[in-house]
Structure formats: structure tokens, C-alpha cells
Amino acid sequence: MKYLLLIYMDENVLSETEREHCYLESAQLVQELNAKGQFLATAPLHPVATATSVRVRDGKSLVTDGPFAETREQLGGFFFVNAQDLDEAIAIAAQIPGARAGTVEIRPVLEVAGLPKP
């Protein structure tokens, strides 16, 4: 089953040195997951200040700067993985460096017929 592991944290909690170390640890985790056939994709996101939100109401697009909601933790990146079940997804999430400073939300991905395969 495919899972999206969403990494939330206060984007100011890590120093630049800590952030670079987090990227190195994440790259090592990706190598391990890839060797097991579990890795699908990952990426860190630019700071929330670069976010743009789009809402369509009554057929009109409303574009605003910033994220959808003001929160203490922001979406900072993701891992997209194959896991046998939720327990295995939890084990992977616990290895993500961002879990030590923030929260990793685990969401199973729906398979929708008619979409192209990656």
C-alpha cells in the first residue's frame, strides 16, 4: 500500500547547520528505503512565506499569499513510500529526522482508476 508521510514542524526550529544535517540523514534513509523497494518520492518544501493558496468559489479563483491556515507547525516536506501496512508506515515515519523536531502525519493514498502510473 502507498502512504504519504507529511512532515510538519516549526520551520524556524532548526538552525541552517541542523537543517543540512537533516537533509543528509533523510538522504541516507531514502537509500535504505530504495534498497528495500519502498521508496517512491521525497522532497523538502521552500519556506511557508513562498506559499500561495488557491480557492475556487462560485466559479471564481481567489488567490492569496501564504498557507491555507496559520499554525505553529508548517508542512515542510514529504516522503511517499510503499509499506505493507500502517505498522510498517509508522516504523518508516519514526526514522524520518523531522519526526524528532515536529510531527509526521501518515496518510494512506487512494488508488484511483484511470490515473497514469508513475
PDB file of N, CA and C in Angstrom:
ATOM      1  N   MET A   1       0.837  -1.168   0.000  1.00  0.00           N
ATOM      2  CA  MET A   1       0.000   0.000   0.000  1.00  0.00           C
ATOM      3  C   MET A   1       0.890   1.242   0.000  1.00  0.00           C
ATOM      4  N   LYS A   2       0.423   2.288  -0.645  1.00  0.00           N
ATOM      5  CA  LYS A   2       1.186   3.535  -0.701  1.00  0.00           C
ATOM      6  C   LYS A   2       0.738   4.456   0.420  1.00  0.00           C
ATOM      7  N   TYR A   3       1.732   5.119   1.032  1.00  0.00           N
ATOM      8  CA  TYR A   3       1.480   6.062   2.117  1.00  0.00           C
ATOM      9  C   TYR A   3       2.217   7.368   1.834  1.00  0.00           C
ATOM     10  N   LEU A   4       1.570   8.476   2.154  1.00  0.00           N
ATOM     11  CA  LEU A   4       2.212   9.779   2.109  1.00  0.00           C
ATOM     12  C   LEU A   4       2.513  10.166   3.546  1.00  0.00           C
ATOM     13  N   LEU A   5       3.771  10.414   3.828  1.00  0.00           N
ATOM     14  CA  LEU A   5       4.218  10.799   5.160  1.00  0.00           C
ATOM     15  C   LEU A   5       4.515  12.296   5.110  1.00  0.00           C
ATOM     16  N   LEU A   6       3.645  13.085   5.720  1.00  0.00           N
ATOM     17  CA  LEU A   6       3.723  14.546   5.682  1.00  0.00           C
ATOM     18  C   LEU A   6       4.465  15.046   6.911  1.00  0.00           C
ATOM     19  N   ILE A   7       5.510  15.823   6.703  1.00  0.00           N
ATOM     20  CA  ILE A   7       6.373  16.279   7.788  1.00  0.00           C
ATOM     21  C   ILE A   7       6.002  17.714   8.161  1.00  0.00           C
ATOM     22  N   TYR A   8       5.531  17.879   9.392  1.00  0.00           N
ATOM     23  CA  TYR A   8       5.157  19.198   9.906  1.00  0.00           C
ATOM     24  C   TYR A   8       6.102  19.589  11.031  1.00  0.00           C
ATOM     25  N   MET A   9       6.580  20.819  10.989  1.00  0.00           N
ATOM     26  CA  MET A   9       7.381  21.352  12.092  1.00  0.00           C
ATOM     27  C   MET A   9       7.426  22.863  11.977  1.00  0.00           C
ATOM     28  N   ASP A  10       7.798  23.496  13.060  1.00  0.00           N
ATOM     29  CA  ASP A  10       8.047  24.934  13.025  1.00  0.00           C
ATOM     30  C   ASP A  10       9.278  25.123  12.151  1.00  0.00           C
ATOM     31  N   GLU A  11       9.124  25.842  11.051  1.00  0.00           N
ATOM     32  CA  GLU A  11      10.233  25.940  10.103  1.00  0.00           C
ATOM     33  C   GLU A  11      11.431  26.716  10.665  1.00  0.00           C
ATOM     34  N   ASN A  12      11.274  27.352  11.814  1.00  0.00           N
ATOM     35  CA  ASN A  12      12.383  28.090  12.427  1.00  0.00           C
ATOM     36  C   ASN A  12      13.060  27.316  13.554  1.00  0.00           C
ATOM     37  N   VAL A  13      12.644  26.066  13.789  1.00  0.00           N
ATOM     38  CA  VAL A  13      13.168  25.298  14.918  1.00  0.00           C
ATOM     39  C   VAL A  13      14.593  24.785  14.664  1.00  0.00           C
ATOM     40  N   LEU A  14      14.968  24.607  13.419  1.00  0.00           N
ATOM     41  CA  LEU A  14      16.302  24.093  13.094  1.00  0.00           C
ATOM     42  C   LEU A  14      17.210  25.213  12.617  1.00  0.00           C
ATOM     43  N   SER A  15      18.467  25.179  13.056  1.00  0.00           N
ATOM     44  CA  SER A  15      19.466  26.095  12.509  1.00  0.00           C
ATOM     45  C   SER A  15      19.806  25.623  11.093  1.00  0.00           C
ATOM     46  N   GLU A  16      20.512  26.432  10.341  1.00  0.00           N
ATOM     47  CA  GLU A  16      20.899  26.038   8.986  1.00  0.00           C
ATOM     48  C   GLU A  16      21.770  24.785   9.021  1.00  0.00           C
ATOM     49  N   THR A  17      22.655  24.688   9.990  1.00  0.00           N
ATOM     50  CA  THR A  17      23.509  23.504  10.133  1.00  0.00           C
ATOM     51  C   THR A  17      22.663  22.271  10.456  1.00  0.00           C
ATOM     52  N   GLU A  18      21.709  22.413  11.368  1.00  0.00           N
ATOM     53  CA  GLU A  18      20.825  21.300  11.716  1.00  0.00           C
ATOM     54  C   GLU A  18      19.971  20.882  10.516  1.00  0.00           C
ATOM     55  N   ARG A  19      19.519  21.859   9.732  1.00  0.00           N
ATOM     56  CA  ARG A  19      18.713  21.568   8.548  1.00  0.00           C
ATOM     57  C   ARG A  19      19.533  20.772   7.524  1.00  0.00           C
ATOM     58  N   GLU A  20      20.768  21.173   7.305  1.00  0.00           N
ATOM     59  CA  GLU A  20      21.633  20.451   6.361  1.00  0.00           C
ATOM     60  C   GLU A  20      21.880  19.020   6.856  1.00  0.00           C
ATOM     61  N   HIS A  21      22.074  18.851   8.162  1.00  0.00           N
ATOM     62  CA  HIS A  21      22.254  17.509   8.725  1.00  0.00           C
ATOM     63  C   HIS A  21      20.987  16.679   8.533  1.00  0.00           C
ATOM     64  N   CYS A  22      19.839  17.308   8.702  1.00  0.00           N
ATOM     65  CA  CYS A  22      18.553  16.629   8.499  1.00  0.00           C
ATOM     66  C   CYS A  22      18.444  16.137   7.053  1.00  0.00           C
ATOM     67  N   TYR A  23      18.869  16.965   6.093  1.00  0.00           N
ATOM     68  CA  TYR A  23      18.829  16.558   4.684  1.00  0.00           C
ATOM     69  C   TYR A  23      19.747  15.356   4.440  1.00  0.00           C
ATOM     70  N   LEU A  24      20.930  15.371   5.068  1.00  0.00           N
ATOM     71  CA  LEU A  24      21.859  14.244   4.910  1.00  0.00           C
ATOM     72  C   LEU A  24      21.269  12.961   5.490  1.00  0.00           C
ATOM     73  N   GLU A  25      20.679  13.056   6.682  1.00  0.00           N
ATOM     74  CA  GLU A  25      20.042  11.885   7.299  1.00  0.00           C
ATOM     75  C   GLU A  25      18.877  11.387   6.444  1.00  0.00           C
ATOM     76  N   SER A  26      18.120  12.322   5.893  1.00  0.00           N
ATOM     77  CA  SER A  26      16.983  11.952   5.044  1.00  0.00           C
ATOM     78  C   SER A  26      17.467  11.221   3.797  1.00  0.00           C
ATOM     79  N   ALA A  27      18.565  11.703   3.212  1.00  0.00           N
ATOM     80  CA  ALA A  27      19.116  11.055   2.020  1.00  0.00           C
ATOM     81  C   ALA A  27      19.567   9.627   2.341  1.00  0.00           C
ATOM     82  N   GLN A  28      20.134   9.425   3.526  1.00  0.00           N
ATOM     83  CA  GLN A  28      20.536   8.080   3.936  1.00  0.00           C
ATOM     84  C   GLN A  28      19.309   7.176   4.094  1.00  0.00           C
ATOM     85  N   LEU A  29      18.244   7.718   4.689  1.00  0.00           N
ATOM     86  CA  LEU A  29      17.008   6.954   4.836  1.00  0.00           C
ATOM     87  C   LEU A  29      16.439   6.590   3.473  1.00  0.00           C
ATOM     88  N   VAL A  30      16.485   7.522   2.534  1.00  0.00           N
ATOM     89  CA  VAL A  30      15.995   7.249   1.177  1.00  0.00           C
ATOM     90  C   VAL A  30      16.772   6.104   0.546  1.00  0.00           C
ATOM     91  N   GLN A  31      18.086   6.074   0.737  1.00  0.00           N
ATOM     92  CA  GLN A  31      18.895   4.985   0.183  1.00  0.00           C
ATOM     93  C   GLN A  31      18.456   3.646   0.773  1.00  0.00           C
ATOM     94  N   GLU A  32      18.195   3.607   2.079  1.00  0.00           N
ATOM     95  CA  GLU A  32      17.747   2.374   2.728  1.00  0.00           C
ATOM     96  C   GLU A  32      16.373   1.943   2.211  1.00  0.00           C
ATOM     97  N   LEU A  33      15.440   2.903   2.121  1.00  0.00           N
ATOM     98  CA  LEU A  33      14.095   2.590   1.627  1.00  0.00           C
ATOM     99  C   LEU A  33      14.141   2.141   0.174  1.00  0.00           C
ATOM    100  N   ASN A  34      14.985   2.782  -0.623  1.00  0.00           N
ATOM    101  CA  ASN A  34      15.103   2.427  -2.031  1.00  0.00           C
ATOM    102  C   ASN A  34      15.637   1.003  -2.187  1.00  0.00           C
ATOM    103  N   ALA A  35      16.598   0.640  -1.360  1.00  0.00           N
ATOM    104  CA  ALA A  35      17.165  -0.714  -1.420  1.00  0.00           C
ATOM    105  C   ALA A  35      16.109  -1.772  -1.084  1.00  0.00           C
ATOM    106  N   LYS A  36      15.111  -1.396  -0.283  1.00  0.00           N
ATOM    107  CA  LYS A  36      14.037  -2.324   0.099  1.00  0.00           C
ATOM    108  C   LYS A  36      12.837  -2.243  -0.847  1.00  0.00           C
ATOM    109  N   GLY A  37      12.916  -1.382  -1.855  1.00  0.00           N
ATOM    110  CA  GLY A  37      11.809  -1.224  -2.798  1.00  0.00           C
ATOM    111  C   GLY A  37      10.638  -0.436  -2.228  1.00  0.00           C
ATOM    112  N   GLN A  38      10.873   0.327  -1.164  1.00  0.00           N
ATOM    113  CA  GLN A  38       9.795   1.074  -0.525  1.00  0.00           C
ATOM    114  C   GLN A  38       9.748   2.546  -0.935  1.00  0.00           C
ATOM    115  N   PHE A  39      10.808   3.073  -1.499  1.00  0.00           N
ATOM    116  CA  PHE A  39      10.881   4.493  -1.814  1.00  0.00           C
ATOM    117  C   PHE A  39      10.147   4.829  -3.108  1.00  0.00           C
ATOM    118  N   LEU A  40       9.314   5.851  -3.056  1.00  0.00           N
ATOM    119  CA  LEU A  40       8.639   6.358  -4.252  1.00  0.00           C
ATOM    120  C   LEU A  40       9.061   7.791  -4.565  1.00  0.00           C
ATOM    121  N   ALA A  41       9.079   8.671  -3.554  1.00  0.00           N
ATOM    122  CA  ALA A  41       9.473  10.070  -3.770  1.00  0.00           C
ATOM    123  C   ALA A  41       9.650  10.755  -2.422  1.00  0.00           C
ATOM    124  N   THR A  42      10.388  11.839  -2.421  1.00  0.00           N
ATOM    125  CA  THR A  42      10.518  12.698  -1.242  1.00  0.00           C
ATOM    126  C   THR A  42      10.938  14.078  -1.704  1.00  0.00           C
ATOM    127  N   ALA A  43      10.643  15.085  -0.902  1.00  0.00           N
ATOM    128  CA  ALA A  43      11.106  16.435  -1.193  1.00  0.00           C
ATOM    129  C   ALA A  43      10.848  17.343  -0.006  1.00  0.00           C
ATOM    130  N   PRO A  44      11.823  18.193   0.311  1.00  0.00           N
ATOM    131  CA  PRO A  44      11.564  19.259   1.267  1.00  0.00           C
ATOM    132  C   PRO A  44      10.879  20.403   0.518  1.00  0.00           C
ATOM    133  N   LEU A  45      10.182  21.237   1.258  1.00  0.00           N
ATOM    134  CA  LEU A  45       9.487  22.370   0.648  1.00  0.00           C
ATOM    135  C   LEU A  45      10.175  23.675   1.014  1.00  0.00           C
ATOM    136  N   HIS A  46      10.041  24.671   0.144  1.00  0.00           N
ATOM    137  CA  HIS A  46      10.530  26.014   0.462  1.00  0.00           C
ATOM    138  C   HIS A  46       9.737  26.550   1.652  1.00  0.00           C
ATOM    139  N   PRO A  47      10.232  27.595   2.325  1.00  0.00           N
ATOM    140  CA  PRO A  47       9.531  28.148   3.488  1.00  0.00           C
ATOM    141  C   PRO A  47       8.092  28.565   3.180  1.00  0.00           C
ATOM    142  N   VAL A  48       7.282  28.565   4.226  1.00  0.00           N
ATOM    143  CA  VAL A  48       5.852  28.865   4.093  1.00  0.00           C
ATOM    144  C   VAL A  48       5.620  30.268   3.515  1.00  0.00           C
ATOM    145  N   ALA A  49       6.587  31.164   3.656  1.00  0.00           N
ATOM    146  CA  ALA A  49       6.454  32.515   3.098  1.00  0.00           C
ATOM    147  C   ALA A  49       6.333  32.489   1.575  1.00  0.00           C
ATOM    148  N   THR A  50       6.753  31.389   0.944  1.00  0.00           N
ATOM    149  CA  THR A  50       6.672  31.282  -0.512  1.00  0.00           C
ATOM    150  C   THR A  50       5.357  30.656  -0.975  1.00  0.00           C
ATOM    151  N   ALA A  51       4.509  30.257  -0.029  1.00  0.00           N
ATOM    152  CA  ALA A  51       3.267  29.553  -0.359  1.00  0.00           C
ATOM    153  C   ALA A  51       2.226  30.489  -0.982  1.00  0.00           C
ATOM    154  N   THR A  52       1.418  29.915  -1.846  1.00  0.00           N
ATOM    155  CA  THR A  52       0.264  30.580  -2.433  1.00  0.00           C
ATOM    156  C   THR A  52      -0.904  29.620  -2.314  1.00  0.00           C
ATOM    157  N   SER A  53      -2.047  30.123  -1.906  1.00  0.00           N
ATOM    158  CA  SER A  53      -3.247  29.290  -1.775  1.00  0.00           C
ATOM    159  C   SER A  53      -4.274  29.713  -2.820  1.00  0.00           C
ATOM    160  N   VAL A  54      -4.961  28.721  -3.391  1.00  0.00           N
ATOM    161  CA  VAL A  54      -5.994  28.963  -4.395  1.00  0.00           C
ATOM    162  C   VAL A  54      -7.293  28.337  -3.908  1.00  0.00           C
ATOM    163  N   ARG A  55      -8.344  29.117  -3.940  1.00  0.00           N
ATOM    164  CA  ARG A  55      -9.689  28.628  -3.624  1.00  0.00           C
ATOM    165  C   ARG A  55     -10.599  29.020  -4.774  1.00  0.00           C
ATOM    166  N   VAL A  56     -11.493  28.147  -5.146  1.00  0.00           N
ATOM    167  CA  VAL A  56     -12.476  28.473  -6.190  1.00  0.00           C
ATOM    168  C   VAL A  56     -13.842  28.503  -5.521  1.00  0.00           C
ATOM    169  N   ARG A  57     -14.487  29.653  -5.605  1.00  0.00           N
ATOM    170  CA  ARG A  57     -15.821  29.833  -5.028  1.00  0.00           C
ATOM    171  C   ARG A  57     -16.716  30.468  -6.086  1.00  0.00           C
ATOM    172  N   ASP A  58     -17.857  29.861  -6.303  1.00  0.00           N
ATOM    173  CA  ASP A  58     -18.801  30.357  -7.309  1.00  0.00           C
ATOM    174  C   ASP A  58     -18.127  30.553  -8.668  1.00  0.00           C
ATOM    175  N   GLY A  59     -17.223  29.622  -9.012  1.00  0.00           N
ATOM    176  CA  GLY A  59     -16.556  29.661 -10.304  1.00  0.00           C
ATOM    177  C   GLY A  59     -15.425  30.664 -10.420  1.00  0.00           C
ATOM    178  N   LYS A  60     -15.087  31.370  -9.351  1.00  0.00           N
ATOM    179  CA  LYS A  60     -14.018  32.381  -9.384  1.00  0.00           C
ATOM    180  C   LYS A  60     -12.856  31.933  -8.506  1.00  0.00           C
ATOM    181  N   SER A  61     -11.652  32.105  -9.034  1.00  0.00           N
ATOM    182  CA  SER A  61     -10.448  31.760  -8.278  1.00  0.00           C
ATOM    183  C   SER A  61     -10.069  32.904  -7.347  1.00  0.00           C
ATOM    184  N   LEU A  62      -9.792  32.549  -6.103  1.00  0.00           N
ATOM    185  CA  LEU A  62      -9.298  33.505  -5.125  1.00  0.00           C
ATOM    186  C   LEU A  62      -7.886  33.052  -4.765  1.00  0.00           C
ATOM    187  N   VAL A  63      -6.914  33.875  -5.098  1.00  0.00           N
ATOM    188  CA  VAL A  63      -5.511  33.542  -4.866  1.00  0.00           C
ATOM    189  C   VAL A  63      -4.997  34.425  -3.738  1.00  0.00           C
ATOM    190  N   THR A  64      -4.403  33.793  -2.719  1.00  0.00           N
ATOM    191  CA  THR A  64      -3.855  34.537  -1.593  1.00  0.00           C
ATOM    192  C   THR A  64      -2.443  34.073  -1.299  1.00  0.00           C
ATOM    193  N   ASP A  65      -1.639  34.978  -0.772  1.00  0.00           N
ATOM    194  CA  ASP A  65      -0.288  34.619  -0.335  1.00  0.00           C
ATOM    195  C   ASP A  65      -0.379  33.832   0.952  1.00  0.00           C
ATOM    196  N   GLY A  66       0.529  32.894   1.097  1.00  0.00           N
ATOM    197  CA  GLY A  66       0.610  32.153   2.348  1.00  0.00           C
ATOM    198  C   GLY A  66      -0.136  30.840   2.318  1.00  0.00           C
ATOM    199  N   PRO A  67      -0.008  30.104   3.416  1.00  0.00           N
ATOM    200  CA  PRO A  67      -0.651  28.793   3.518  1.00  0.00           C
ATOM    201  C   PRO A  67      -2.139  28.944   3.801  1.00  0.00           C
ATOM    202  N   PHE A  68      -2.840  27.826   3.753  1.00  0.00           N
ATOM    203  CA  PHE A  68      -4.278  27.796   3.995  1.00  0.00           C
ATOM    204  C   PHE A  68      -4.616  28.229   5.412  1.00  0.00           C
ATOM    205  N   ALA A  69      -3.813  27.815   6.384  1.00  0.00           N
ATOM    206  CA  ALA A  69      -4.119  28.115   7.785  1.00  0.00           C
ATOM    207  C   ALA A  69      -2.860  28.537   8.528  1.00  0.00           C
ATOM    208  N   GLU A  70      -3.033  29.412   9.489  1.00  0.00           N
ATOM    209  CA  GLU A  70      -1.936  29.791  10.381  1.00  0.00           C
ATOM    210  C   GLU A  70      -1.816  28.716  11.456  1.00  0.00           C
ATOM    211  N   THR A  71      -0.636  28.124  11.573  1.00  0.00           N
ATOM    212  CA  THR A  71      -0.411  27.088  12.580  1.00  0.00           C
ATOM    213  C   THR A  71       0.987  27.222  13.150  1.00  0.00           C
ATOM    214  N   ARG A  72       1.235  26.543  14.257  1.00  0.00           N
ATOM    215  CA  ARG A  72       2.585  26.551  14.845  1.00  0.00           C
ATOM    216  C   ARG A  72       3.537  25.694  14.029  1.00  0.00           C
ATOM    217  N   GLU A  73       3.016  24.641  13.412  1.00  0.00           N
ATOM    218  CA  GLU A  73       3.847  23.769  12.586  1.00  0.00           C
ATOM    219  C   GLU A  73       3.389  23.888  11.137  1.00  0.00           C
ATOM    220  N   GLN A  74       4.346  23.940  10.237  1.00  0.00           N
ATOM    221  CA  GLN A  74       4.045  24.059   8.821  1.00  0.00           C
ATOM    222  C   GLN A  74       4.462  22.783   8.089  1.00  0.00           C
ATOM    223  N   LEU A  75       3.796  22.530   6.963  1.00  0.00           N
ATOM    224  CA  LEU A  75       4.189  21.398   6.120  1.00  0.00           C
ATOM    225  C   LEU A  75       5.556  21.716   5.538  1.00  0.00           C
ATOM    226  N   GLY A  76       6.539  20.880   5.862  1.00  0.00           N
ATOM    227  CA  GLY A  76       7.909  21.153   5.443  1.00  0.00           C
ATOM    228  C   GLY A  76       8.430  20.211   4.376  1.00  0.00           C
ATOM    229  N   GLY A  77       7.727  19.107   4.153  1.00  0.00           N
ATOM    230  CA  GLY A  77       8.174  18.153   3.158  1.00  0.00           C
ATOM    231  C   GLY A  77       7.381  16.871   3.271  1.00  0.00           C
ATOM    232  N   PHE A  78       7.785  15.885   2.474  1.00  0.00           N
ATOM    233  CA  PHE A  78       7.045  14.622   2.464  1.00  0.00           C
ATOM    234  C   PHE A  78       7.940  13.478   2.051  1.00  0.00           C
ATOM    235  N   PHE A  79       7.528  12.285   2.415  1.00  0.00           N
ATOM    236  CA  PHE A  79       8.047  11.037   1.881  1.00  0.00           C
ATOM    237  C   PHE A  79       6.849  10.300   1.305  1.00  0.00           C
ATOM    238  N   PHE A  80       6.995   9.707   0.137  1.00  0.00           N
ATOM    239  CA  PHE A  80       5.963   8.887  -0.491  1.00  0.00           C
ATOM    240  C   PHE A  80       6.553   7.489  -0.556  1.00  0.00           C
ATOM    241  N   VAL A  81       5.929   6.526   0.140  1.00  0.00           N
ATOM    242  CA  VAL A  81       6.531   5.204   0.301  1.00  0.00           C
ATOM    243  C   VAL A  81       5.535   4.081   0.047  1.00  0.00           C
ATOM    244  N   ASN A  82       6.079   2.909  -0.215  1.00  0.00           N
ATOM    245  CA  ASN A  82       5.317   1.660  -0.216  1.00  0.00           C
ATOM    246  C   ASN A  82       5.535   1.003   1.135  1.00  0.00           C
ATOM    247  N   ALA A  83       4.466   0.581   1.775  1.00  0.00           N
ATOM    248  CA  ALA A  83       4.565  -0.142   3.041  1.00  0.00           C
ATOM    249  C   ALA A  83       3.492  -1.224   3.046  1.00  0.00           C
ATOM    250  N   GLN A  84       3.774  -2.329   3.713  1.00  0.00           N
ATOM    251  CA  GLN A  84       2.815  -3.435   3.758  1.00  0.00           C
ATOM    252  C   GLN A  84       1.542  -3.043   4.482  1.00  0.00           C
ATOM    253  N   ASP A  85       1.693  -2.225   5.527  1.00  0.00           N
ATOM    254  CA  ASP A  85       0.532  -1.852   6.336  1.00  0.00           C
ATOM    255  C   ASP A  85       0.877  -0.603   7.147  1.00  0.00           C
ATOM    256  N   LEU A  86      -0.072  -0.156   7.958  1.00  0.00           N
ATOM    257  CA  LEU A  86       0.139   1.048   8.769  1.00  0.00           C
ATOM    258  C   LEU A  86       1.304   0.883   9.732  1.00  0.00           C
ATOM    259  N   ASP A  87       1.458  -0.304  10.315  1.00  0.00           N
ATOM    260  CA  ASP A  87       2.565  -0.517  11.252  1.00  0.00           C
ATOM    261  C   ASP A  87       3.912  -0.277  10.580  1.00  0.00           C
ATOM    262  N   GLU A  88       4.060  -0.764   9.352  1.00  0.00           N
ATOM    263  CA  GLU A  88       5.314  -0.552   8.637  1.00  0.00           C
ATOM    264  C   GLU A  88       5.482   0.923   8.280  1.00  0.00           C
ATOM    265  N   ALA A  89       4.404   1.607   7.916  1.00  0.00           N
ATOM    266  CA  ALA A  89       4.465   3.039   7.623  1.00  0.00           C
ATOM    267  C   ALA A  89       4.867   3.829   8.868  1.00  0.00           C
ATOM    268  N   ILE A  90       4.354   3.427  10.014  1.00  0.00           N
ATOM    269  CA  ILE A  90       4.723   4.078  11.276  1.00  0.00           C
ATOM    270  C   ILE A  90       6.215   3.885  11.548  1.00  0.00           C
ATOM    271  N   ALA A  91       6.722   2.696  11.299  1.00  0.00           N
ATOM    272  CA  ALA A  91       8.146   2.419  11.512  1.00  0.00           C
ATOM    273  C   ALA A  91       9.008   3.294  10.603  1.00  0.00           C
ATOM    274  N   ILE A  92       8.571   3.497   9.377  1.00  0.00           N
ATOM    275  CA  ILE A  92       9.314   4.370   8.458  1.00  0.00           C
ATOM    276  C   ILE A  92       9.236   5.810   8.947  1.00  0.00           C
ATOM    277  N   ALA A  93       8.041   6.259   9.315  1.00  0.00           N
ATOM    278  CA  ALA A  93       7.854   7.637   9.778  1.00  0.00           C
ATOM    279  C   ALA A  93       8.737   7.941  10.989  1.00  0.00           C
ATOM    280  N   ALA A  94       8.896   6.964  11.863  1.00  0.00           N
ATOM    281  CA  ALA A  94       9.715   7.163  13.061  1.00  0.00           C
ATOM    282  C   ALA A  94      11.193   7.367  12.729  1.00  0.00           C
ATOM    283  N   GLN A  95      11.612   6.967  11.522  1.00  0.00           N
ATOM    284  CA  GLN A  95      13.006   7.133  11.103  1.00  0.00           C
ATOM    285  C   GLN A  95      13.260   8.483  10.429  1.00  0.00           C
ATOM    286  N   ILE A  96      12.208   9.203  10.081  1.00  0.00           N
ATOM    287  CA  ILE A  96      12.363  10.495   9.393  1.00  0.00           C
ATOM    288  C   ILE A  96      12.916  11.508  10.387  1.00  0.00           C
ATOM    289  N   PRO A  97      14.032  12.156  10.065  1.00  0.00           N
ATOM    290  CA  PRO A  97      14.633  13.098  11.002  1.00  0.00           C
ATOM    291  C   PRO A  97      13.666  14.184  11.490  1.00  0.00           C
ATOM    292  N   GLY A  98      12.773  14.641  10.656  1.00  0.00           N
ATOM    293  CA  GLY A  98      11.824  15.677  11.050  1.00  0.00           C
ATOM    294  C   GLY A  98      10.880  15.257  12.158  1.00  0.00           C
ATOM    295  N   ALA A  99      10.731  13.958  12.379  1.00  0.00           N
ATOM    296  CA  ALA A  99       9.857  13.476  13.449  1.00  0.00           C
ATOM    297  C   ALA A  99      10.410  13.844  14.825  1.00  0.00           C
ATOM    298  N   ARG A 100      11.726  14.064  14.911  1.00  0.00           N
ATOM    299  CA  ARG A 100      12.339  14.417  16.195  1.00  0.00           C
ATOM    300  C   ARG A 100      12.062  15.863  16.594  1.00  0.00           C
ATOM    301  N   ALA A 101      11.766  16.731  15.619  1.00  0.00           N
ATOM    302  CA  ALA A 101      11.520  18.147  15.913  1.00  0.00           C
ATOM    303  C   ALA A 101      10.086  18.558  15.625  1.00  0.00           C
ATOM    304  N   GLY A 102       9.327  17.682  14.979  1.00  0.00           N
ATOM    305  CA  GLY A 102       7.960  18.019  14.603  1.00  0.00           C
ATOM    306  C   GLY A 102       7.077  16.794  14.624  1.00  0.00           C
ATOM    307  N   THR A 103       6.183  16.723  13.657  1.00  0.00           N
ATOM    308  CA  THR A 103       5.191  15.654  13.571  1.00  0.00           C
ATOM    309  C   THR A 103       5.176  15.090  12.164  1.00  0.00           C
ATOM    310  N   VAL A 104       5.053  13.779  12.034  1.00  0.00           N
ATOM    311  CA  VAL A 104       4.865  13.158  10.731  1.00  0.00           C
ATOM    312  C   VAL A 104       3.449  12.593  10.684  1.00  0.00           C
ATOM    313  N   GLU A 105       2.651  13.126   9.782  1.00  0.00           N
ATOM    314  CA  GLU A 105       1.286  12.637   9.573  1.00  0.00           C
ATOM    315  C   GLU A 105       1.328  11.555   8.507  1.00  0.00           C
ATOM    316  N   ILE A 106       0.708  10.429   8.775  1.00  0.00           N
ATOM    317  CA  ILE A 106       0.702   9.291   7.850  1.00  0.00           C
ATOM    318  C   ILE A 106      -0.671   9.199   7.211  1.00  0.00           C
ATOM    319  N   ARG A 107      -0.698   9.224   5.880  1.00  0.00           N
ATOM    320  CA  ARG A 107      -1.973   9.134   5.170  1.00  0.00           C
ATOM    321  C   ARG A 107      -1.886   8.073   4.089  1.00  0.00           C
ATOM    322  N   PRO A 108      -2.767   7.061   4.133  1.00  0.00           N
ATOM    323  CA  PRO A 108      -2.804   6.094   3.039  1.00  0.00           C
ATOM    324  C   PRO A 108      -3.294   6.795   1.777  1.00  0.00           C
ATOM    325  N   VAL A 109      -2.745   6.384   0.645  1.00  0.00           N
ATOM    326  CA  VAL A 109      -3.079   7.004  -0.635  1.00  0.00           C
ATOM    327  C   VAL A 109      -4.128   6.150  -1.346  1.00  0.00           C
ATOM    328  N   LEU A 110      -5.187   6.793  -1.783  1.00  0.00           N
ATOM    329  CA  LEU A 110      -6.230   6.096  -2.545  1.00  0.00           C
ATOM    330  C   LEU A 110      -5.753   5.810  -3.954  1.00  0.00           C
ATOM    331  N   GLU A 111      -5.998   4.625  -4.420  1.00  0.00           N
ATOM    332  CA  GLU A 111      -5.721   4.281  -5.809  1.00  0.00           C
ATOM    333  C   GLU A 111      -6.976   4.613  -6.604  1.00  0.00           C
ATOM    334  N   VAL A 112      -6.856   5.480  -7.585  1.00  0.00           N
ATOM    335  CA  VAL A 112      -7.996   5.901  -8.390  1.00  0.00           C
ATOM    336  C   VAL A 112      -7.808   5.378  -9.806  1.00  0.00           C
ATOM    337  N   ALA A 113      -8.812   4.659 -10.291  1.00  0.00           N
ATOM    338  CA  ALA A 113      -8.745   4.099 -11.651  1.00  0.00           C
ATOM    339  C   ALA A 113      -8.657   5.227 -12.670  1.00  0.00           C
ATOM    340  N   GLY A 114      -7.919   4.971 -13.733  1.00  0.00           N
ATOM    341  CA  GLY A 114      -7.836   5.916 -14.834  1.00  0.00           C
ATOM    342  C   GLY A 114      -6.686   6.904 -14.740  1.00  0.00           C
ATOM    343  N   LEU A 115      -5.976   6.918 -13.610  1.00  0.00           N
ATOM    344  CA  LEU A 115      -4.824   7.820 -13.491  1.00  0.00           C
ATOM    345  C   LEU A 115      -3.581   7.127 -14.014  1.00  0.00           C
ATOM    346  N   PRO A 116      -2.662   7.877 -14.642  1.00  0.00           N
ATOM    347  CA  PRO A 116      -1.444   7.248 -15.121  1.00  0.00           C
ATOM    348  C   PRO A 116      -0.581   6.780 -13.949  1.00  0.00           C
ATOM    349  N   LYS A 117       0.121   5.693 -14.145  1.00  0.00           N
ATOM    350  CA  LYS A 117       1.020   5.169 -13.139  1.00  0.00           C
ATOM    351  C   LYS A 117       2.311   5.960 -13.189  1.00  0.00           C
ATOM    352  N   PRO A 118       2.927   6.247 -12.005  1.00  0.00           N
ATOM    353  CA  PRO A 118       4.205   6.990 -12.019  1.00  0.00           C
ATOM    354  C   PRO A 118       5.316   6.178 -12.639  1.00  0.00           C
TER     355      PRO A 118
END
